[in-house]
Amino acid sequence: MSGFIVTTDTRTDRQKANEPDMAEVLKVVQYAPMKRYKYFINKVVQTEMLWACGADDRWAMMDDENRVPFMFPVWPAKLFAYLWLPPQPDMSEIEVRAIALDFALETLLPSLEVDQIAVCFDASDKGPIVTVEKLITDLKKALSAKKRLN
């Protein structure tokens, strides 16, 4: 997984300036699912990174009742992910990881073995759920719009 995961804080000043504070995070997790999803898309395109959780060379996935991974959770900023992480001893090795947007679009998301994405879930596992294909399409569309404006 090395090469696309930021284990030290190498974000640019612009990316850090666009990081939400806890007040904003707590406000956003109260949004209706579609509004939260739009926030996610805009923030990820603005900072050119998204956040997920993992340990070693694995990603944290959400399991179904049979403990089969079926959903990959992602967030627009690290504070959202910290809010979601359960404070359980068996989760102590999990870390929040920044992922470059280009890598996510070209490599990570298309290679996932699940077909659903949990977008900006809160501590009670609530939030919008979209397909990997929809997330990729919407992020590319937003990136394209951003480039036309610049």
Protein backbone atom coordinates (compact mmCIF):
# COMPACT_ATOMS: atom_id res chain seq x y z
CA MET A 1 0.00 0.00 0.00
CA SER A 2 2.94 2.35 0.17
CA GLY A 3 3.20 5.11 -2.38
CA PHE A 4 -0.39 6.26 -2.18
CA ILE A 5 -1.01 6.32 1.54
CA VAL A 6 0.10 9.33 3.49
CA THR A 7 1.40 8.07 6.84
CA THR A 8 2.96 11.39 7.79
CA ASP A 9 1.23 14.72 7.33
CA THR A 10 2.42 15.86 3.92
CA ARG A 11 -0.66 17.88 3.09
CA THR A 12 -0.12 21.27 1.48
CA ASP A 13 -1.00 24.46 3.31
CA ARG A 14 -4.08 24.74 1.07
CA GLN A 15 -5.20 21.25 2.04
CA LYS A 16 -4.66 21.97 5.74
CA ALA A 17 -6.54 25.28 5.44
CA ASN A 18 -9.53 23.41 4.00
CA GLU A 19 -9.61 20.85 6.82
CA PRO A 20 -12.87 21.29 8.77
CA ASP A 21 -12.84 21.92 12.51
CA MET A 22 -14.85 19.77 14.94
CA ALA A 23 -17.79 22.21 14.92
CA GLU A 24 -18.11 21.81 11.15
CA VAL A 25 -17.74 18.02 11.38
CA LEU A 26 -20.50 17.77 13.98
CA LYS A 27 -22.73 19.97 11.81
CA VAL A 28 -22.10 17.93 8.65
CA VAL A 29 -22.87 14.56 10.26
CA GLN A 30 -26.35 15.94 10.98
CA TYR A 31 -26.98 16.59 7.27
CA ALA A 32 -29.43 14.48 5.30
CA PRO A 33 -27.63 11.75 3.31
CA MET A 34 -27.67 13.55 -0.07
CA LYS A 35 -26.41 16.82 1.41
CA ARG A 36 -23.66 14.94 3.27
CA TYR A 37 -22.69 13.17 0.03
CA LYS A 38 -22.46 16.50 -1.84
CA TYR A 39 -20.32 17.91 0.97
CA PHE A 40 -18.04 14.87 0.68
CA ILE A 41 -17.63 15.27 -3.09
CA ASN A 42 -16.90 19.01 -2.82
CA LYS A 43 -14.44 18.66 0.07
CA VAL A 44 -12.55 15.75 -1.54
CA VAL A 45 -12.20 17.64 -4.84
CA GLN A 46 -11.17 20.79 -2.96
CA THR A 47 -8.41 19.04 -0.98
CA GLU A 48 -7.62 16.36 -3.60
CA MET A 49 -7.61 13.65 -0.94
CA LEU A 50 -9.98 11.37 0.88
CA TRP A 51 -9.56 9.44 4.10
CA ALA A 52 -10.04 5.81 5.06
CA CYS A 53 -8.96 3.52 7.89
CA GLY A 54 -6.59 0.60 7.73
CA ALA A 55 -3.92 -1.45 9.41
CA ASP A 56 -0.72 -2.77 7.87
CA ASP A 57 -1.52 -3.53 4.23
CA ARG A 58 -5.29 -3.87 4.71
CA TRP A 59 -8.22 -1.48 4.61
CA ALA A 60 -10.93 -1.39 7.25
CA MET A 61 -14.16 -2.67 5.73
CA MET A 62 -17.65 -2.88 7.12
CA ASP A 63 -18.87 -6.46 7.50
CA ASP A 64 -22.34 -7.93 7.15
CA GLU A 65 -23.92 -10.16 9.81
CA ASN A 66 -21.81 -13.10 8.53
CA ARG A 67 -18.60 -11.04 8.89
CA VAL A 68 -18.21 -10.78 5.11
CA PRO A 69 -16.84 -7.39 4.01
CA PHE A 70 -19.39 -5.54 1.92
CA MET A 71 -18.69 -1.83 2.26
CA PHE A 72 -15.63 0.46 2.24
CA PRO A 73 -15.98 3.56 4.47
CA VAL A 74 -14.43 6.86 3.35
CA TRP A 75 -14.45 10.42 4.67
CA PRO A 76 -13.61 13.89 3.35
CA ALA A 77 -11.32 14.71 6.29
CA LYS A 78 -9.56 12.87 9.08
CA LEU A 79 -11.75 14.24 11.89
CA PHE A 80 -14.78 12.49 10.37
CA ALA A 81 -12.92 9.17 10.42
CA TYR A 82 -11.83 9.63 14.03
CA LEU A 83 -15.45 10.27 14.94
CA TRP A 84 -16.41 6.92 13.35
CA LEU A 85 -13.62 4.74 14.76
CA PRO A 86 -14.95 2.66 17.64
CA PRO A 87 -12.93 2.86 20.87
CA GLN A 88 -12.48 -0.91 21.12
CA PRO A 89 -9.23 -2.70 22.01
CA ASP A 90 -9.39 -4.90 18.90
CA MET A 91 -9.42 -1.73 16.75
CA SER A 92 -6.31 -0.17 18.34
CA GLU A 93 -4.09 -1.02 15.34
CA ILE A 94 -6.41 0.81 12.93
CA GLU A 95 -5.13 4.16 11.74
CA VAL A 96 -6.70 6.95 9.71
CA ARG A 97 -4.97 7.31 6.35
CA ALA A 98 -4.99 10.04 3.73
CA ILE A 99 -5.36 8.85 0.15
CA ALA A 100 -4.46 11.00 -2.85
CA LEU A 101 -7.54 11.55 -4.98
CA ASP A 102 -5.78 10.59 -8.23
CA PHE A 103 -4.68 7.28 -6.73
CA ALA A 104 -8.15 6.63 -5.33
CA LEU A 105 -9.78 7.19 -8.72
CA GLU A 106 -7.25 5.33 -10.85
CA THR A 107 -6.25 2.43 -8.62
CA LEU A 108 -7.81 2.00 -5.20
CA LEU A 109 -11.55 2.37 -5.83
CA PRO A 110 -11.62 0.27 -9.04
CA SER A 111 -9.68 -2.50 -7.30
CA LEU A 112 -11.96 -2.86 -4.27
CA GLU A 113 -13.55 -6.25 -3.75
CA VAL A 114 -16.75 -4.62 -2.47
CA ASP A 115 -19.20 -2.67 -4.56
CA GLN A 116 -20.58 -0.25 -1.98
CA ILE A 117 -19.02 2.81 -0.39
CA ALA A 118 -20.06 4.17 3.00
CA VAL A 119 -19.62 7.92 2.60
CA CYS A 120 -18.88 10.04 5.65
CA PHE A 121 -20.47 7.63 8.15
CA ASP A 122 -20.90 8.84 11.71
CA ALA A 123 -20.33 6.98 14.98
CA SER A 124 -23.70 5.21 14.66
CA ASP A 125 -22.88 3.93 11.14
CA LYS A 126 -25.30 6.28 9.44
CA GLY A 127 -24.58 8.09 6.21
CA PRO A 128 -25.01 7.87 2.47
CA ILE A 129 -24.21 4.61 0.68
CA VAL A 130 -23.27 4.65 -3.00
CA THR A 131 -21.75 2.23 -5.45
CA VAL A 132 -18.06 2.43 -6.26
CA GLU A 133 -18.99 3.30 -9.84
CA LYS A 134 -21.21 6.22 -8.77
CA LEU A 135 -18.53 7.61 -6.46
CA ILE A 136 -15.89 7.46 -9.18
CA THR A 137 -18.25 9.09 -11.71
CA ASP A 138 -19.29 11.88 -9.35
CA LEU A 139 -15.72 12.63 -8.28
CA LYS A 140 -14.52 12.77 -11.89
CA LYS A 141 -17.43 15.02 -12.85
CA ALA A 142 -16.67 17.40 -9.96
CA LEU A 143 -12.94 17.39 -10.81
CA SER A 144 -13.74 18.22 -14.41
CA ALA A 145 -15.97 21.11 -13.34
CA LYS A 146 -13.24 22.40 -11.01
CA LYS A 147 -10.67 22.34 -13.83
CA ARG A 148 -13.02 24.28 -16.14
CA LEU A 149 -13.35 27.01 -13.48
CA ASN A 150 -9.58 27.35 -12.97
